[in-house]
Amino acid sequence: MVENKSLAIELAKALIQNNNVKPIFNKRYDSDATIIVYTIGDIEFTFHDIVLHFAESLKKSKEYH
């Protein structure tokens, strides 16, 4: 699992460096904290969301292979 998490983080880092992914500073709706979200098209994702997506995809791919 640790190797999947490390790979998921590396994949997320590579994704956010893509020219089509734009970082935006946002205020959290539930506090005064400012967070960075990444927009892909019209949808905003946190870095955590992106890592989680890749980790789940890696887990599913190992189940099928």
PDB file of N, CA and C in Angstrom:
ATOM      1  N   MET A   1       0.815  -1.196   0.000  1.00  0.00           N
ATOM      2  CA  MET A   1       0.000   0.000   0.000  1.00  0.00           C
ATOM      3  C   MET A   1       0.855   1.254   0.000  1.00  0.00           C
ATOM      4  N   VAL A   2       1.991   1.202   0.704  1.00  0.00           N
ATOM      5  CA  VAL A   2       2.870   2.364   0.768  1.00  0.00           C
ATOM      6  C   VAL A   2       3.405   2.707  -0.618  1.00  0.00           C
ATOM      7  N   GLU A   3       3.748   1.683  -1.397  1.00  0.00           N
ATOM      8  CA  GLU A   3       4.248   1.960  -2.743  1.00  0.00           C
ATOM      9  C   GLU A   3       3.156   2.569  -3.621  1.00  0.00           C
ATOM     10  N   ASN A   4       1.906   2.129  -3.427  1.00  0.00           N
ATOM     11  CA  ASN A   4       0.798   2.731  -4.180  1.00  0.00           C
ATOM     12  C   ASN A   4       0.623   4.190  -3.808  1.00  0.00           C
ATOM     13  N   LYS A   5       0.724   4.505  -2.511  1.00  0.00           N
ATOM     14  CA  LYS A   5       0.558   5.883  -2.068  1.00  0.00           C
ATOM     15  C   LYS A   5       1.675   6.754  -2.624  1.00  0.00           C
ATOM     16  N   SER A   6       2.901   6.266  -2.590  1.00  0.00           N
ATOM     17  CA  SER A   6       4.031   7.023  -3.135  1.00  0.00           C
ATOM     18  C   SER A   6       3.859   7.258  -4.634  1.00  0.00           C
ATOM     19  N   LEU A   7       3.449   6.230  -5.343  1.00  0.00           N
ATOM     20  CA  LEU A   7       3.218   6.365  -6.782  1.00  0.00           C
ATOM     21  C   LEU A   7       2.066   7.320  -7.053  1.00  0.00           C
ATOM     22  N   ALA A   8       1.008   7.247  -6.247  1.00  0.00           N
ATOM     23  CA  ALA A   8      -0.137   8.148  -6.411  1.00  0.00           C
ATOM     24  C   ALA A   8       0.290   9.601  -6.205  1.00  0.00           C
ATOM     25  N   ILE A   9       1.152   9.858  -5.230  1.00  0.00           N
ATOM     26  CA  ILE A   9       1.654  11.216  -4.992  1.00  0.00           C
ATOM     27  C   ILE A   9       2.478  11.696  -6.175  1.00  0.00           C
ATOM     28  N   GLU A  10       3.330  10.836  -6.708  1.00  0.00           N
ATOM     29  CA  GLU A  10       4.148  11.218  -7.870  1.00  0.00           C
ATOM     30  C   GLU A  10       3.275  11.494  -9.091  1.00  0.00           C
ATOM     31  N   LEU A  11       2.248  10.680  -9.295  1.00  0.00           N
ATOM     32  CA  LEU A  11       1.336  10.906 -10.422  1.00  0.00           C
ATOM     33  C   LEU A  11       0.578  12.225 -10.250  1.00  0.00           C
ATOM     34  N   ALA A  12       0.171  12.521  -9.028  1.00  0.00           N
ATOM     35  CA  ALA A  12      -0.530  13.782  -8.765  1.00  0.00           C
ATOM     36  C   ALA A  12       0.393  14.974  -9.007  1.00  0.00           C
ATOM     37  N   LYS A  13       1.641  14.860  -8.580  1.00  0.00           N
ATOM     38  CA  LYS A  13       2.614  15.939  -8.832  1.00  0.00           C
ATOM     39  C   LYS A  13       2.776  16.173 -10.333  1.00  0.00           C
ATOM     40  N   ALA A  14       2.871  15.093 -11.082  1.00  0.00           N
ATOM     41  CA  ALA A  14       3.018  15.223 -12.534  1.00  0.00           C
ATOM     42  C   ALA A  14       1.776  15.864 -13.150  1.00  0.00           C
ATOM     43  N   LEU A  15       0.605  15.480 -12.670  1.00  0.00           N
ATOM     44  CA  LEU A  15      -0.636  16.027 -13.215  1.00  0.00           C
ATOM     45  C   LEU A  15      -0.740  17.530 -12.976  1.00  0.00           C
ATOM     46  N   ILE A  16      -0.422  17.986 -11.773  1.00  0.00           N
ATOM     47  CA  ILE A  16      -0.598  19.416 -11.492  1.00  0.00           C
ATOM     48  C   ILE A  16       0.420  20.280 -12.223  1.00  0.00           C
ATOM     49  N   GLN A  17       1.457  19.676 -12.787  1.00  0.00           N
ATOM     50  CA  GLN A  17       2.423  20.426 -13.589  1.00  0.00           C
ATOM     51  C   GLN A  17       1.962  20.582 -15.034  1.00  0.00           C
ATOM     52  N   ASN A  18       0.881  19.908 -15.407  1.00  0.00           N
ATOM     53  CA  ASN A  18       0.324  20.003 -16.748  1.00  0.00           C
ATOM     54  C   ASN A  18      -0.205  21.415 -16.991  1.00  0.00           C
ATOM     55  N   ASN A  19       0.009  21.947 -18.186  1.00  0.00           N
ATOM     56  CA  ASN A  19      -0.430  23.302 -18.526  1.00  0.00           C
ATOM     57  C   ASN A  19      -1.943  23.483 -18.461  1.00  0.00           C
ATOM     58  N   ASN A  20      -2.709  22.411 -18.592  1.00  0.00           N
ATOM     59  CA  ASN A  20      -4.165  22.507 -18.546  1.00  0.00           C
ATOM     60  C   ASN A  20      -4.723  22.521 -17.127  1.00  0.00           C
ATOM     61  N   VAL A  21      -3.867  22.317 -16.137  1.00  0.00           N
ATOM     62  CA  VAL A  21      -4.285  22.303 -14.729  1.00  0.00           C
ATOM     63  C   VAL A  21      -3.844  23.627 -14.103  1.00  0.00           C
ATOM     64  N   LYS A  22      -4.810  24.375 -13.579  1.00  0.00           N
ATOM     65  CA  LYS A  22      -4.536  25.711 -13.044  1.00  0.00           C
ATOM     66  C   LYS A  22      -4.713  25.728 -11.531  1.00  0.00           C
ATOM     67  N   PRO A  23      -3.687  26.191 -10.789  1.00  0.00           N
ATOM     68  CA  PRO A  23      -3.857  26.339  -9.338  1.00  0.00           C
ATOM     69  C   PRO A  23      -4.619  27.622  -9.015  1.00  0.00           C
ATOM     70  N   ILE A  24      -5.493  27.539  -8.028  1.00  0.00           N
ATOM     71  CA  ILE A  24      -6.287  28.696  -7.609  1.00  0.00           C
ATOM     72  C   ILE A  24      -6.324  28.716  -6.080  1.00  0.00           C
ATOM     73  N   PHE A  25      -6.141  29.905  -5.500  1.00  0.00           N
ATOM     74  CA  PHE A  25      -6.291  30.056  -4.055  1.00  0.00           C
ATOM     75  C   PHE A  25      -7.757  30.273  -3.743  1.00  0.00           C
ATOM     76  N   ASN A  26      -8.292  29.485  -2.825  1.00  0.00           N
ATOM     77  CA  ASN A  26      -9.708  29.562  -2.453  1.00  0.00           C
ATOM     78  C   ASN A  26      -9.837  29.662  -0.945  1.00  0.00           C
ATOM     79  N   LYS A  27     -10.862  30.360  -0.511  1.00  0.00           N
ATOM     80  CA  LYS A  27     -11.229  30.357   0.900  1.00  0.00           C
ATOM     81  C   LYS A  27     -12.075  29.117   1.152  1.00  0.00           C
ATOM     82  N   ARG A  28     -11.810  28.441   2.248  1.00  0.00           N
ATOM     83  CA  ARG A  28     -12.653  27.306   2.623  1.00  0.00           C
ATOM     84  C   ARG A  28     -14.001  27.826   3.066  1.00  0.00           C
ATOM     85  N   TYR A  29     -15.025  27.096   2.719  1.00  0.00           N
ATOM     86  CA  TYR A  29     -16.381  27.529   3.076  1.00  0.00           C
ATOM     87  C   TYR A  29     -16.651  27.429   4.571  1.00  0.00           C
ATOM     88  N   ASP A  30     -15.916  26.559   5.284  1.00  0.00           N
ATOM     89  CA  ASP A  30     -16.201  26.332   6.701  1.00  0.00           C
ATOM     90  C   ASP A  30     -15.216  27.010   7.652  1.00  0.00           C
ATOM     91  N   SER A  31     -14.269  27.801   7.120  1.00  0.00           N
ATOM     92  CA  SER A  31     -13.315  28.504   7.974  1.00  0.00           C
ATOM     93  C   SER A  31     -12.687  29.648   7.187  1.00  0.00           C
ATOM     94  N   ASP A  32     -11.764  30.349   7.837  1.00  0.00           N
ATOM     95  CA  ASP A  32     -11.065  31.445   7.169  1.00  0.00           C
ATOM     96  C   ASP A  32      -9.792  30.981   6.464  1.00  0.00           C
ATOM     97  N   ALA A  33      -9.533  29.685   6.486  1.00  0.00           N
ATOM     98  CA  ALA A  33      -8.314  29.156   5.880  1.00  0.00           C
ATOM     99  C   ALA A  33      -8.347  29.295   4.361  1.00  0.00           C
ATOM    100  N   THR A  34      -7.184  29.552   3.797  1.00  0.00           N
ATOM    101  CA  THR A  34      -7.035  29.607   2.353  1.00  0.00           C
ATOM    102  C   THR A  34      -6.367  28.311   1.895  1.00  0.00           C
ATOM    103  N   ILE A  35      -6.929  27.701   0.874  1.00  0.00           N
ATOM    104  CA  ILE A  35      -6.370  26.458   0.343  1.00  0.00           C
ATOM    105  C   ILE A  35      -6.091  26.634  -1.147  1.00  0.00           C
ATOM    106  N   ILE A  36      -5.256  25.767  -1.663  1.00  0.00           N
ATOM    107  CA  ILE A  36      -4.995  25.741  -3.100  1.00  0.00           C
ATOM    108  C   ILE A  36      -5.814  24.606  -3.693  1.00  0.00           C
ATOM    109  N   VAL A  37      -6.566  24.927  -4.725  1.00  0.00           N
ATOM    110  CA  VAL A  37      -7.277  23.898  -5.477  1.00  0.00           C
ATOM    111  C   VAL A  37      -6.764  23.948  -6.912  1.00  0.00           C
ATOM    112  N   TYR A  38      -6.899  22.846  -7.588  1.00  0.00           N
ATOM    113  CA  TYR A  38      -6.440  22.742  -8.965  1.00  0.00           C
ATOM    114  C   TYR A  38      -7.651  22.549  -9.854  1.00  0.00           C
ATOM    115  N   THR A  39      -7.760  23.371 -10.882  1.00  0.00           N
ATOM    116  CA  THR A  39      -8.905  23.249 -11.781  1.00  0.00           C
ATOM    117  C   THR A  39      -8.505  22.452 -13.014  1.00  0.00           C
ATOM    118  N   ILE A  40      -9.378  21.538 -13.350  1.00  0.00           N
ATOM    119  CA  ILE A  40      -9.242  20.756 -14.573  1.00  0.00           C
ATOM    120  C   ILE A  40     -10.578  20.927 -15.276  1.00  0.00           C
ATOM    121  N   GLY A  41     -10.565  21.695 -16.337  1.00  0.00           N
ATOM    122  CA  GLY A  41     -11.832  22.073 -16.963  1.00  0.00           C
ATOM    123  C   GLY A  41     -12.540  23.045 -16.039  1.00  0.00           C
ATOM    124  N   ASP A  42     -13.751  22.716 -15.668  1.00  0.00           N
ATOM    125  CA  ASP A  42     -14.526  23.559 -14.756  1.00  0.00           C
ATOM    126  C   ASP A  42     -14.593  22.982 -13.344  1.00  0.00           C
ATOM    127  N   ILE A  43     -13.882  21.907 -13.094  1.00  0.00           N
ATOM    128  CA  ILE A  43     -13.982  21.216 -11.809  1.00  0.00           C
ATOM    129  C   ILE A  43     -12.739  21.494 -10.968  1.00  0.00           C
ATOM    130  N   GLU A  44     -12.943  21.750  -9.674  1.00  0.00           N
ATOM    131  CA  GLU A  44     -11.848  22.022  -8.752  1.00  0.00           C
ATOM    132  C   GLU A  44     -11.565  20.787  -7.898  1.00  0.00           C
ATOM    133  N   PHE A  45     -10.275  20.509  -7.701  1.00  0.00           N
ATOM    134  CA  PHE A  45      -9.836  19.386  -6.890  1.00  0.00           C
ATOM    135  C   PHE A  45      -8.746  19.856  -5.938  1.00  0.00           C
ATOM    136  N   THR A  46      -8.728  19.307  -4.727  1.00  0.00           N
ATOM    137  CA  THR A  46      -7.594  19.539  -3.847  1.00  0.00           C
ATOM    138  C   THR A  46      -6.505  18.536  -4.229  1.00  0.00           C
ATOM    139  N   PHE A  47      -5.290  18.784  -3.761  1.00  0.00           N
ATOM    140  CA  PHE A  47      -4.210  17.840  -4.024  1.00  0.00           C
ATOM    141  C   PHE A  47      -4.571  16.485  -3.419  1.00  0.00           C
ATOM    142  N   HIS A  48      -5.164  16.502  -2.251  1.00  0.00           N
ATOM    143  CA  HIS A  48      -5.578  15.256  -1.594  1.00  0.00           C
ATOM    144  C   HIS A  48      -6.564  14.475  -2.458  1.00  0.00           C
ATOM    145  N   ASP A  49      -7.522  15.177  -3.053  1.00  0.00           N
ATOM    146  CA  ASP A  49      -8.493  14.517  -3.937  1.00  0.00           C
ATOM    147  C   ASP A  49      -7.798  13.831  -5.116  1.00  0.00           C
ATOM    148  N   ILE A  50      -6.813  14.520  -5.681  1.00  0.00           N
ATOM    149  CA  ILE A  50      -6.101  13.970  -6.839  1.00  0.00           C
ATOM    150  C   ILE A  50      -5.306  12.732  -6.435  1.00  0.00           C
ATOM    151  N   VAL A  51      -4.602  12.812  -5.304  1.00  0.00           N
ATOM    152  CA  VAL A  51      -3.830  11.657  -4.821  1.00  0.00           C
ATOM    153  C   VAL A  51      -4.768  10.486  -4.538  1.00  0.00           C
ATOM    154  N   LEU A  52      -5.890  10.764  -3.878  1.00  0.00           N
ATOM    155  CA  LEU A  52      -6.850   9.717  -3.563  1.00  0.00           C
ATOM    156  C   LEU A  52      -7.381   9.040  -4.831  1.00  0.00           C
ATOM    157  N   HIS A  53      -7.653   9.824  -5.852  1.00  0.00           N
ATOM    158  CA  HIS A  53      -8.120   9.265  -7.128  1.00  0.00           C
ATOM    159  C   HIS A  53      -7.086   8.297  -7.702  1.00  0.00           C
ATOM    160  N   PHE A  54      -5.821   8.737  -7.747  1.00  0.00           N
ATOM    161  CA  PHE A  54      -4.784   7.861  -8.295  1.00  0.00           C
ATOM    162  C   PHE A  54      -4.593   6.617  -7.425  1.00  0.00           C
ATOM    163  N   ALA A  55      -4.635   6.763  -6.101  1.00  0.00           N
ATOM    164  CA  ALA A  55      -4.457   5.616  -5.209  1.00  0.00           C
ATOM    165  C   ALA A  55      -5.572   4.589  -5.414  1.00  0.00           C
ATOM    166  N   GLU A  56      -6.799   5.071  -5.538  1.00  0.00           N
ATOM    167  CA  GLU A  56      -7.923   4.156  -5.773  1.00  0.00           C
ATOM    168  C   GLU A  56      -7.810   3.481  -7.132  1.00  0.00           C
ATOM    169  N   SER A  57      -7.376   4.229  -8.125  1.00  0.00           N
ATOM    170  CA  SER A  57      -7.213   3.647  -9.466  1.00  0.00           C
ATOM    171  C   SER A  57      -6.118   2.588  -9.473  1.00  0.00           C
ATOM    172  N   LEU A  58      -5.021   2.842  -8.772  1.00  0.00           N
ATOM    173  CA  LEU A  58      -3.941   1.852  -8.693  1.00  0.00           C
ATOM    174  C   LEU A  58      -4.420   0.591  -7.974  1.00  0.00           C
ATOM    175  N   LYS A  59      -5.195   0.778  -6.911  1.00  0.00           N
ATOM    176  CA  LYS A  59      -5.729  -0.367  -6.179  1.00  0.00           C
ATOM    177  C   LYS A  59      -6.632  -1.205  -7.078  1.00  0.00           C
ATOM    178  N   LYS A  60      -7.505  -0.545  -7.826  1.00  0.00           N
ATOM    179  CA  LYS A  60      -8.413  -1.261  -8.731  1.00  0.00           C
ATOM    180  C   LYS A  60      -7.639  -1.981  -9.827  1.00  0.00           C
ATOM    181  N   SER A  61      -6.600  -1.352 -10.357  1.00  0.00           N
ATOM    182  CA  SER A  61      -5.836  -1.981 -11.429  1.00  0.00           C
ATOM    183  C   SER A  61      -5.120  -3.235 -10.922  1.00  0.00           C
ATOM    184  N   LYS A  62      -4.661  -3.226  -9.666  1.00  0.00           N
ATOM    185  CA  LYS A  62      -4.013  -4.421  -9.120  1.00  0.00           C
ATOM    186  C   LYS A  62      -5.023  -5.543  -8.883  1.00  0.00           C
ATOM    187  N   GLU A  63      -6.282  -5.163  -8.586  1.00  0.00           N
ATOM    188  CA  GLU A  63      -7.313  -6.186  -8.381  1.00  0.00           C
ATOM    189  C   GLU A  63      -7.632  -6.894  -9.695  1.00  0.00           C
ATOM    190  N   TYR A  64      -7.548  -6.186 -10.796  1.00  0.00           N
ATOM    191  CA  TYR A  64      -7.897  -6.777 -12.097  1.00  0.00           C
ATOM    192  C   TYR A  64      -6.735  -7.519 -12.737  1.00  0.00           C
ATOM    193  N   HIS A  65      -5.524  -7.288 -12.267  1.00  0.00           N
ATOM    194  CA  HIS A  65      -4.371  -7.945 -12.889  1.00  0.00           C
ATOM    195  C   HIS A  65      -3.840  -9.038 -12.018  1.00  0.00           C
TER     196      HIS A  65
END
